[in-house]
Amino acid sequence: MADQPAPFEDRLRLVELLDRVLDKGVVLRGDVTISVAGIDLLYLELNLLLSSVETLRERGAWPDGA
């Protein structure tokens, strides 16, 4: 069965979701630990901020000169 393109309504919903995320902003946090035989070898703490520059400037989180 051939892959068919997503219906227009589904693509519109994705655009709306992306618009809301960029308008409000999203913070994703996570931790990754790699261990062997119960000994931690590597630990990563991940923090990701996804937002539009306009939203960050409105909230004072983006320097005006940048």
PDB file of N, CA and C in Angstrom:
ATOM      1  N   MET A   1       0.847  -1.167   0.000  1.00  0.00           N
ATOM      2  CA  MET A   1       0.000   0.000   0.000  1.00  0.00           C
ATOM      3  C   MET A   1       0.898   1.237   0.000  1.00  0.00           C
ATOM      4  N   ALA A   2       0.652   2.155  -0.901  1.00  0.00           N
ATOM      5  CA  ALA A   2       1.460   3.362  -1.033  1.00  0.00           C
ATOM      6  C   ALA A   2       1.110   4.361   0.070  1.00  0.00           C
ATOM      7  N   ASP A   3       2.141   5.086   0.522  1.00  0.00           N
ATOM      8  CA  ASP A   3       1.906   6.140   1.517  1.00  0.00           C
ATOM      9  C   ASP A   3       1.168   7.284   0.859  1.00  0.00           C
ATOM     10  N   GLN A   4       0.133   7.734   1.528  1.00  0.00           N
ATOM     11  CA  GLN A   4      -0.640   8.849   1.001  1.00  0.00           C
ATOM     12  C   GLN A   4      -0.342  10.079   1.836  1.00  0.00           C
ATOM     13  N   PRO A   5      -0.359  11.262   1.228  1.00  0.00           N
ATOM     14  CA  PRO A   5      -0.088  12.472   1.994  1.00  0.00           C
ATOM     15  C   PRO A   5      -1.161  12.687   3.056  1.00  0.00           C
ATOM     16  N   ALA A   6      -0.755  13.363   4.121  1.00  0.00           N
ATOM     17  CA  ALA A   6      -1.691  13.646   5.221  1.00  0.00           C
ATOM     18  C   ALA A   6      -2.793  14.575   4.725  1.00  0.00           C
ATOM     19  N   PRO A   7      -4.001  14.360   5.197  1.00  0.00           N
ATOM     20  CA  PRO A   7      -5.087  15.257   4.806  1.00  0.00           C
ATOM     21  C   PRO A   7      -4.786  16.693   5.215  1.00  0.00           C
ATOM     22  N   PHE A   8      -5.401  17.629   4.530  1.00  0.00           N
ATOM     23  CA  PHE A   8      -5.174  19.053   4.776  1.00  0.00           C
ATOM     24  C   PHE A   8      -5.472  19.405   6.229  1.00  0.00           C
ATOM     25  N   GLU A   9      -6.510  18.818   6.807  1.00  0.00           N
ATOM     26  CA  GLU A   9      -6.885  19.138   8.184  1.00  0.00           C
ATOM     27  C   GLU A   9      -5.780  18.725   9.163  1.00  0.00           C
ATOM     28  N   ASP A  10      -5.129  17.580   8.921  1.00  0.00           N
ATOM     29  CA  ASP A  10      -4.051  17.130   9.801  1.00  0.00           C
ATOM     30  C   ASP A  10      -2.853  18.059   9.717  1.00  0.00           C
ATOM     31  N   ARG A  11      -2.525  18.520   8.514  1.00  0.00           N
ATOM     32  CA  ARG A  11      -1.404  19.447   8.369  1.00  0.00           C
ATOM     33  C   ARG A  11      -1.718  20.770   9.033  1.00  0.00           C
ATOM     34  N   LEU A  12      -2.962  21.209   8.952  1.00  0.00           N
ATOM     35  CA  LEU A  12      -3.375  22.454   9.580  1.00  0.00           C
ATOM     36  C   LEU A  12      -3.256  22.342  11.088  1.00  0.00           C
ATOM     37  N   ARG A  13      -3.618  21.216  11.642  1.00  0.00           N
ATOM     38  CA  ARG A  13      -3.509  21.014  13.090  1.00  0.00           C
ATOM     39  C   ARG A  13      -2.052  21.062  13.534  1.00  0.00           C
ATOM     40  N   LEU A  14      -1.155  20.514  12.732  1.00  0.00           N
ATOM     41  CA  LEU A  14       0.265  20.547  13.076  1.00  0.00           C
ATOM     42  C   LEU A  14       0.777  21.985  13.081  1.00  0.00           C
ATOM     43  N   VAL A  15       0.350  22.778  12.109  1.00  0.00           N
ATOM     44  CA  VAL A  15       0.746  24.187  12.054  1.00  0.00           C
ATOM     45  C   VAL A  15       0.197  24.937  13.265  1.00  0.00           C
ATOM     46  N   GLU A  16      -1.046  24.663  13.644  1.00  0.00           N
ATOM     47  CA  GLU A  16      -1.631  25.304  14.818  1.00  0.00           C
ATOM     48  C   GLU A  16      -0.876  24.923  16.079  1.00  0.00           C
ATOM     49  N   LEU A  17      -0.500  23.660  16.208  1.00  0.00           N
ATOM     50  CA  LEU A  17       0.251  23.200  17.365  1.00  0.00           C
ATOM     51  C   LEU A  17       1.607  23.898  17.438  1.00  0.00           C
ATOM     52  N   LEU A  18       2.302  23.979  16.326  1.00  0.00           N
ATOM     53  CA  LEU A  18       3.596  24.646  16.289  1.00  0.00           C
ATOM     54  C   LEU A  18       3.449  26.125  16.632  1.00  0.00           C
ATOM     55  N   ASP A  19       2.400  26.772  16.140  1.00  0.00           N
ATOM     56  CA  ASP A  19       2.157  28.172  16.446  1.00  0.00           C
ATOM     57  C   ASP A  19       1.941  28.376  17.940  1.00  0.00           C
ATOM     58  N   ARG A  20       1.181  27.497  18.562  1.00  0.00           N
ATOM     59  CA  ARG A  20       0.930  27.611  20.013  1.00  0.00           C
ATOM     60  C   ARG A  20       2.200  27.376  20.815  1.00  0.00           C
ATOM     61  N   VAL A  21       3.000  26.394  20.404  1.00  0.00           N
ATOM     62  CA  VAL A  21       4.243  26.103  21.117  1.00  0.00           C
ATOM     63  C   VAL A  21       5.185  27.297  21.043  1.00  0.00           C
ATOM     64  N   LEU A  22       5.325  27.873  19.855  1.00  0.00           N
ATOM     65  CA  LEU A  22       6.223  29.012  19.701  1.00  0.00           C
ATOM     66  C   LEU A  22       5.679  30.244  20.410  1.00  0.00           C
ATOM     67  N   ASP A  23       4.361  30.375  20.490  1.00  0.00           N
ATOM     68  CA  ASP A  23       3.756  31.524  21.153  1.00  0.00           C
ATOM     69  C   ASP A  23       3.912  31.446  22.667  1.00  0.00           C
ATOM     70  N   LYS A  24       3.723  30.282  23.237  1.00  0.00           N
ATOM     71  CA  LYS A  24       3.775  30.113  24.691  1.00  0.00           C
ATOM     72  C   LYS A  24       5.164  29.709  25.175  1.00  0.00           C
ATOM     73  N   GLY A  25       5.850  28.877  24.411  1.00  0.00           N
ATOM     74  CA  GLY A  25       7.142  28.357  24.823  1.00  0.00           C
ATOM     75  C   GLY A  25       6.990  27.016  25.524  1.00  0.00           C
ATOM     76  N   VAL A  26       7.991  26.173  25.397  1.00  0.00           N
ATOM     77  CA  VAL A  26       7.990  24.848  26.008  1.00  0.00           C
ATOM     78  C   VAL A  26       9.391  24.587  26.560  1.00  0.00           C
ATOM     79  N   VAL A  27       9.452  24.032  27.753  1.00  0.00           N
ATOM     80  CA  VAL A  27      10.717  23.616  28.342  1.00  0.00           C
ATOM     81  C   VAL A  27      10.682  22.099  28.490  1.00  0.00           C
ATOM     82  N   LEU A  28      11.681  21.444  27.932  1.00  0.00           N
ATOM     83  CA  LEU A  28      11.819  19.997  28.059  1.00  0.00           C
ATOM     84  C   LEU A  28      13.059  19.718  28.896  1.00  0.00           C
ATOM     85  N   ARG A  29      12.909  18.836  29.873  1.00  0.00           N
ATOM     86  CA  ARG A  29      14.027  18.471  30.730  1.00  0.00           C
ATOM     87  C   ARG A  29      14.150  16.960  30.780  1.00  0.00           C
ATOM     88  N   GLY A  30      15.375  16.499  30.884  1.00  0.00           N
ATOM     89  CA  GLY A  30      15.580  15.067  30.980  1.00  0.00           C
ATOM     90  C   GLY A  30      16.967  14.735  31.490  1.00  0.00           C
ATOM     91  N   ASP A  31      17.114  13.538  31.981  1.00  0.00           N
ATOM     92  CA  ASP A  31      18.397  13.038  32.471  1.00  0.00           C
ATOM     93  C   ASP A  31      18.703  11.719  31.766  1.00  0.00           C
ATOM     94  N   VAL A  32      19.965  11.553  31.397  1.00  0.00           N
ATOM     95  CA  VAL A  32      20.413  10.314  30.773  1.00  0.00           C
ATOM     96  C   VAL A  32      21.632   9.826  31.544  1.00  0.00           C
ATOM     97  N   THR A  33      21.595   8.589  31.971  1.00  0.00           N
ATOM     98  CA  THR A  33      22.734   7.984  32.663  1.00  0.00           C
ATOM     99  C   THR A  33      23.122   6.709  31.929  1.00  0.00           C
ATOM    100  N   ILE A  34      24.390   6.625  31.577  1.00  0.00           N
ATOM    101  CA  ILE A  34      24.914   5.420  30.926  1.00  0.00           C
ATOM    102  C   ILE A  34      25.793   4.716  31.941  1.00  0.00           C
ATOM    103  N   SER A  35      25.457   3.464  32.203  1.00  0.00           N
ATOM    104  CA  SER A  35      26.224   2.712  33.196  1.00  0.00           C
ATOM    105  C   SER A  35      26.509   1.305  32.682  1.00  0.00           C
ATOM    106  N   VAL A  36      27.588   0.738  33.194  1.00  0.00           N
ATOM    107  CA  VAL A  36      27.974  -0.628  32.867  1.00  0.00           C
ATOM    108  C   VAL A  36      28.234  -1.351  34.184  1.00  0.00           C
ATOM    109  N   ALA A  37      27.596  -2.469  34.356  1.00  0.00           N
ATOM    110  CA  ALA A  37      27.757  -3.294  35.553  1.00  0.00           C
ATOM    111  C   ALA A  37      27.497  -2.494  36.825  1.00  0.00           C
ATOM    112  N   GLY A  38      26.494  -1.619  36.780  1.00  0.00           N
ATOM    113  CA  GLY A  38      26.127  -0.847  37.957  1.00  0.00           C
ATOM    114  C   GLY A  38      27.022   0.342  38.247  1.00  0.00           C
ATOM    115  N   ILE A  39      27.977   0.632  37.380  1.00  0.00           N
ATOM    116  CA  ILE A  39      28.884   1.773  37.570  1.00  0.00           C
ATOM    117  C   ILE A  39      28.500   2.842  36.552  1.00  0.00           C
ATOM    118  N   ASP A  40      28.133   4.017  37.055  1.00  0.00           N
ATOM    119  CA  ASP A  40      27.755   5.122  36.169  1.00  0.00           C
ATOM    120  C   ASP A  40      28.992   5.644  35.446  1.00  0.00           C
ATOM    121  N   LEU A  41      28.920   5.653  34.123  1.00  0.00           N
ATOM    122  CA  LEU A  41      30.034   6.133  33.316  1.00  0.00           C
ATOM    123  C   LEU A  41      29.797   7.532  32.779  1.00  0.00           C
ATOM    124  N   LEU A  42      28.535   7.841  32.477  1.00  0.00           N
ATOM    125  CA  LEU A  42      28.223   9.128  31.860  1.00  0.00           C
ATOM    126  C   LEU A  42      26.860   9.588  32.340  1.00  0.00           C
ATOM    127  N   TYR A  43      26.768  10.856  32.730  1.00  0.00           N
ATOM    128  CA  TYR A  43      25.500  11.440  33.163  1.00  0.00           C
ATOM    129  C   TYR A  43      25.283  12.724  32.379  1.00  0.00           C
ATOM    130  N   LEU A  44      24.132  12.863  31.750  1.00  0.00           N
ATOM    131  CA  LEU A  44      23.779  14.062  31.002  1.00  0.00           C
ATOM    132  C   LEU A  44      22.484  14.635  31.547  1.00  0.00           C
ATOM    133  N   GLU A  45      22.497  15.916  31.839  1.00  0.00           N
ATOM    134  CA  GLU A  45      21.277  16.621  32.211  1.00  0.00           C
ATOM    135  C   GLU A  45      20.915  17.507  31.029  1.00  0.00           C
ATOM    136  N   LEU A  46      19.730  17.306  30.476  1.00  0.00           N
ATOM    137  CA  LEU A  46      19.319  18.004  29.272  1.00  0.00           C
ATOM    138  C   LEU A  46      18.226  19.011  29.592  1.00  0.00           C
ATOM    139  N   ASN A  47      18.400  20.243  29.120  1.00  0.00           N
ATOM    140  CA  ASN A  47      17.398  21.291  29.238  1.00  0.00           C
ATOM    141  C   ASN A  47      17.228  21.920  27.867  1.00  0.00           C
ATOM    142  N   LEU A  48      16.013  21.952  27.374  1.00  0.00           N
ATOM    143  CA  LEU A  48      15.736  22.493  26.046  1.00  0.00           C
ATOM    144  C   LEU A  48      14.590  23.494  26.148  1.00  0.00           C
ATOM    145  N   LEU A  49      14.811  24.692  25.626  1.00  0.00           N
ATOM    146  CA  LEU A  49      13.779  25.721  25.577  1.00  0.00           C
ATOM    147  C   LEU A  49      13.408  25.930  24.123  1.00  0.00           C
ATOM    148  N   LEU A  50      12.122  25.795  23.821  1.00  0.00           N
ATOM    149  CA  LEU A  50      11.621  26.000  22.470  1.00  0.00           C
ATOM    150  C   LEU A  50      10.602  27.119  22.519  1.00  0.00           C
ATOM    151  N   SER A  51      10.934  28.239  21.875  1.00  0.00           N
ATOM    152  CA  SER A  51      10.054  29.405  21.879  1.00  0.00           C
ATOM    153  C   SER A  51      10.471  30.318  20.734  1.00  0.00           C
ATOM    154  N   SER A  52       9.604  31.251  20.404  1.00  0.00           N
ATOM    155  CA  SER A  52       9.957  32.233  19.382  1.00  0.00           C
ATOM    156  C   SER A  52      10.739  33.367  20.032  1.00  0.00           C
ATOM    157  N   VAL A  53      11.558  34.055  19.261  1.00  0.00           N
ATOM    158  CA  VAL A  53      12.330  35.181  19.765  1.00  0.00           C
ATOM    159  C   VAL A  53      11.390  36.284  20.238  1.00  0.00           C
ATOM    160  N   GLU A  54      10.310  36.491  19.527  1.00  0.00           N
ATOM    161  CA  GLU A  54       9.339  37.519  19.908  1.00  0.00           C
ATOM    162  C   GLU A  54       8.768  37.247  21.305  1.00  0.00           C
ATOM    163  N   THR A  55       8.425  36.011  21.589  1.00  0.00           N
ATOM    164  CA  THR A  55       7.892  35.650  22.906  1.00  0.00           C
ATOM    165  C   THR A  55       8.943  35.862  23.990  1.00  0.00           C
ATOM    166  N   LEU A  56      10.192  35.481  23.717  1.00  0.00           N
ATOM    167  CA  LEU A  56      11.248  35.675  24.700  1.00  0.00           C
ATOM    168  C   LEU A  56      11.482  37.157  24.967  1.00  0.00           C
ATOM    169  N   ARG A  57      11.440  37.981  23.931  1.00  0.00           N
ATOM    170  CA  ARG A  57      11.622  39.432  24.126  1.00  0.00           C
ATOM    171  C   ARG A  57      10.480  40.025  24.939  1.00  0.00           C
ATOM    172  N   GLU A  58       9.245  39.573  24.691  1.00  0.00           N
ATOM    173  CA  GLU A  58       8.102  40.079  25.446  1.00  0.00           C
ATOM    174  C   GLU A  58       8.229  39.757  26.923  1.00  0.00           C
ATOM    175  N   ARG A  59       8.796  38.613  27.238  1.00  0.00           N
ATOM    176  CA  ARG A  59       8.927  38.173  28.639  1.00  0.00           C
ATOM    177  C   ARG A  59      10.239  38.609  29.274  1.00  0.00           C
ATOM    178  N   GLY A  60      11.066  39.314  28.515  1.00  0.00           N
ATOM    179  CA  GLY A  60      12.318  39.826  29.066  1.00  0.00           C
ATOM    180  C   GLY A  60      13.414  38.793  29.198  1.00  0.00           C
ATOM    181  N   ALA A  61      13.298  37.699  28.500  1.00  0.00           N
ATOM    182  CA  ALA A  61      14.293  36.633  28.591  1.00  0.00           C
ATOM    183  C   ALA A  61      15.302  36.666  27.444  1.00  0.00           C
ATOM    184  N   TRP A  62      15.200  37.647  26.563  1.00  0.00           N
ATOM    185  CA  TRP A  62      16.106  37.752  25.413  1.00  0.00           C
ATOM    186  C   TRP A  62      16.690  39.160  25.409  1.00  0.00           C
ATOM    187  N   PRO A  63      18.006  39.284  25.348  1.00  0.00           N
ATOM    188  CA  PRO A  63      18.592  40.632  25.334  1.00  0.00           C
ATOM    189  C   PRO A  63      18.209  41.378  24.061  1.00  0.00           C
ATOM    190  N   ASP A  64      17.943  42.670  24.207  1.00  0.00           N
ATOM    191  CA  ASP A  64      17.497  43.471  23.060  1.00  0.00           C
ATOM    192  C   ASP A  64      18.570  43.623  21.995  1.00  0.00           C
ATOM    193  N   GLY A  65      19.832  43.633  22.371  1.00  0.00           N
ATOM    194  CA  GLY A  65      20.924  43.820  21.417  1.00  0.00           C
ATOM    195  C   GLY A  65      21.297  42.572  20.649  1.00  0.00           C
ATOM    196  N   ALA A  66      20.774  41.426  21.023  1.00  0.00           N
ATOM    197  CA  ALA A  66      21.167  40.175  20.371  1.00  0.00           C
ATOM    198  C   ALA A  66      20.354  39.897  19.137  1.00  0.00           C
TER     199      ALA A  66
END
